[in-house]
């Protein structure tokens, strides 16, 4: 991501490490539940598993994998007009005029948008574990916010 707003009119951020971990876990769940489903059958304990039970095990693996993949869903997309925040289950759009600050508090797991009346929205796509990727994303979001504020105030954006 570029540091200047003139070069970068759009910011699109997704988490890196959690996406990899989520996909690996999802694939592992599907594999384990498929193997268990295939190995189910007559057992020495007298329990009889039917083909429908075996299919249910595989389907359960896919359902659990889908739940884990929700962790890979977060995304932040911003341009000169505003910012779209998509977290695990919610999505929001904010105009830059409604955003007070883009912050990353000490010890926080992810960045957040500071809103009026002491409210905030977490940016789960900008995670501390992504280190430099998160720093670059916050800087780009702050640059867009600053440019939007300067445009709203009627001053020309400063070029770094």
Protein backbone atom coordinates (compact mmCIF):
# COMPACT_ATOMS: atom_id res chain seq x y z
CA UNK A 1 0.00 0.00 0.00
CA UNK A 2 1.24 3.43 -0.88
CA UNK A 3 1.55 6.15 1.72
CA UNK A 4 0.21 9.01 -0.41
CA UNK A 5 -3.46 9.52 -1.04
CA UNK A 6 -2.76 10.85 -4.53
CA UNK A 7 -1.30 7.49 -5.51
CA UNK A 8 -3.71 5.39 -3.45
CA UNK A 9 -7.39 6.23 -3.75
CA UNK A 10 -8.59 2.90 -2.40
CA UNK A 11 -7.52 0.71 0.52
CA UNK A 12 -8.50 -2.95 0.65
CA UNK A 13 -7.32 -4.86 3.72
CA UNK A 14 -7.81 -8.48 4.73
CA UNK A 15 -6.09 -10.33 7.57
CA UNK A 16 -3.20 -12.57 6.54
CA UNK A 17 -2.36 -15.08 9.27
CA UNK A 18 -5.89 -15.84 10.45
CA UNK A 19 -6.98 -16.57 6.87
CA UNK A 20 -4.22 -19.16 6.50
CA UNK A 21 -4.98 -20.73 9.89
CA UNK A 22 -8.73 -20.78 9.20
CA UNK A 23 -8.30 -22.51 5.84
CA UNK A 24 -5.91 -25.10 7.28
CA UNK A 25 -8.28 -25.83 10.18
CA UNK A 26 -11.26 -26.07 7.83
CA UNK A 27 -9.44 -28.53 5.58
CA UNK A 28 -8.36 -30.53 8.64
CA UNK A 29 -11.92 -30.69 9.96
CA UNK A 30 -13.29 -31.89 6.63
CA UNK A 31 -10.53 -34.52 6.36
CA UNK A 32 -10.97 -35.82 9.92
CA UNK A 33 -14.75 -36.00 9.76
CA UNK A 34 -14.63 -37.66 6.34
CA UNK A 35 -12.21 -40.33 7.59
CA UNK A 36 -14.30 -40.90 10.72
CA UNK A 37 -17.45 -41.10 8.61
CA UNK A 38 -15.87 -43.64 6.27
CA UNK A 39 -14.54 -45.75 9.14
CA UNK A 40 -17.89 -45.89 10.93
CA UNK A 41 -19.59 -49.21 10.53
CA UNK A 42 -20.22 -52.26 12.65
CA UNK A 43 -18.30 -52.03 15.89
CA UNK A 44 -17.48 -54.77 18.41
CA UNK A 45 -19.66 -52.93 20.94
CA UNK A 46 -22.76 -53.81 18.98
CA UNK A 47 -23.46 -50.27 17.80
CA UNK A 48 -24.48 -50.23 14.16
CA UNK A 49 -23.83 -47.10 12.15
CA UNK A 50 -25.90 -46.78 9.00
CA UNK A 51 -24.84 -45.03 5.79
CA UNK A 52 -26.95 -42.04 6.83
CA UNK A 53 -24.80 -41.73 9.99
CA UNK A 54 -21.66 -41.80 7.87
CA UNK A 55 -23.00 -39.09 5.57
CA UNK A 56 -24.03 -37.04 8.61
CA UNK A 57 -20.45 -37.16 9.92
CA UNK A 58 -19.09 -35.81 6.62
CA UNK A 59 -21.77 -33.09 6.51
CA UNK A 60 -20.95 -32.16 10.11
CA UNK A 61 -17.31 -31.73 9.09
CA UNK A 62 -18.30 -29.36 6.31
CA UNK A 63 -20.58 -27.37 8.63
CA UNK A 64 -17.83 -26.96 11.21
CA UNK A 65 -15.38 -25.99 8.48
CA UNK A 66 -17.82 -23.33 7.27
CA UNK A 67 -18.02 -21.94 10.80
CA UNK A 68 -14.23 -21.77 11.04
CA UNK A 69 -14.03 -20.03 7.65
CA UNK A 70 -16.13 -17.17 9.05
CA UNK A 71 -12.88 -16.08 10.73
CA UNK A 72 -11.44 -15.47 7.26
CA UNK A 73 -14.31 -13.13 6.31
CA UNK A 74 -13.17 -9.76 7.78
CA UNK A 75 -12.31 -7.03 5.28
CA UNK A 76 -11.92 -3.26 5.29
CA UNK A 77 -12.39 -1.32 2.08
CA UNK A 78 -11.94 2.44 2.08
CA UNK A 79 -11.82 5.25 -0.44
CA UNK A 80 -12.12 9.02 -0.36
CA UNK A 81 -15.86 8.78 0.44
CA UNK A 82 -15.86 6.42 3.39
CA UNK A 83 -14.99 3.03 4.78
CA UNK A 84 -16.75 -0.32 4.56
CA UNK A 85 -16.11 -2.66 7.48
CA UNK A 86 -16.97 -6.35 7.20
CA UNK A 87 -16.31 -8.34 10.36
CA UNK A 88 -17.16 -11.97 11.10
CA UNK A 89 -20.96 -11.58 10.95
CA UNK A 90 -21.64 -7.85 10.55
CA UNK A 91 -21.02 -5.24 7.86
CA UNK A 92 -21.11 -1.46 8.19
CA UNK A 93 -20.45 1.57 6.02
CA UNK A 94 -19.21 4.84 7.52
CA UNK A 95 -18.69 8.15 5.79
CA UNK A 96 -15.39 9.75 6.76
CA UNK A 97 -17.37 12.64 8.28
CA UNK A 98 -18.72 10.17 10.87
CA UNK A 99 -15.26 8.86 11.84
CA UNK A 100 -13.28 10.74 14.47
CA UNK A 101 -10.07 8.66 14.36
CA UNK A 102 -8.53 5.44 13.12
CA UNK A 103 -6.78 3.97 16.16
CA UNK A 104 -4.87 0.90 17.27
CA UNK A 105 -4.86 0.95 21.08
CA UNK A 106 -1.92 -0.58 22.96
CA UNK A 107 -2.55 -4.24 23.66
CA UNK A 108 -5.53 -4.43 21.31
CA UNK A 109 -5.91 -7.37 18.93
CA UNK A 110 -7.19 -5.23 16.08
CA UNK A 111 -7.60 -1.62 14.99
CA UNK A 112 -10.80 0.34 15.35
CA UNK A 113 -12.72 3.33 14.07
CA UNK A 114 -13.48 5.86 16.77
CA UNK A 115 -17.00 7.26 16.34
CA UNK A 116 -18.92 10.08 18.05
CA UNK A 117 -20.37 9.58 21.53
CA UNK A 118 -17.56 7.24 22.70
CA UNK A 119 -18.54 4.50 20.27
CA UNK A 120 -16.16 2.48 18.14
CA UNK A 121 -16.18 -0.30 15.57
CA UNK A 122 -13.47 -2.94 15.54
CA UNK A 123 -11.60 -3.50 12.30
CA UNK A 124 -11.02 -7.23 12.57
CA UNK A 125 -9.25 -7.22 9.20
CA UNK A 126 -6.41 -5.17 10.70
CA UNK A 127 -4.94 -7.55 13.27
CA UNK A 128 -1.91 -7.12 15.52
CA UNK A 129 -0.54 -10.55 14.59
CA UNK A 130 -0.07 -9.34 11.00
CA UNK A 131 2.48 -6.78 12.29
CA UNK A 132 3.83 -4.70 9.37
CA UNK A 133 0.75 -5.43 7.24
CA UNK A 134 -1.40 -3.94 10.02
CA UNK A 135 0.86 -0.89 10.40
CA UNK A 136 0.70 -0.21 6.66
CA UNK A 137 -3.08 -0.62 6.66
CA UNK A 138 -3.60 1.77 9.58
CA UNK A 139 -1.33 4.36 7.97
CA UNK A 140 -3.24 4.13 4.68
CA UNK A 141 -6.61 4.42 6.45
CA UNK A 142 -5.38 7.41 8.44
CA UNK A 143 -4.15 9.08 5.24
CA UNK A 144 -7.55 8.65 3.59
CA UNK A 145 -9.29 9.93 6.73
CA UNK A 146 -6.97 12.93 6.91
CA UNK A 147 -7.52 13.73 3.20
CA UNK A 148 -11.29 13.49 3.63
CA UNK A 149 -11.18 15.77 6.68
CA UNK A 150 -9.05 18.33 4.82
CA UNK A 151 -11.39 18.22 1.85
CA UNK A 152 -14.36 18.70 4.15
CA UNK A 153 -12.62 21.65 5.86
CA UNK A 154 -11.79 23.17 2.46
CA UNK A 155 -8.02 22.87 2.70
CA UNK A 156 -5.82 21.14 0.16
CA UNK A 157 -4.41 17.75 1.16
CA UNK A 158 -0.73 17.86 2.11
CA UNK A 159 1.65 15.73 0.10
CA UNK A 160 4.26 13.91 2.24
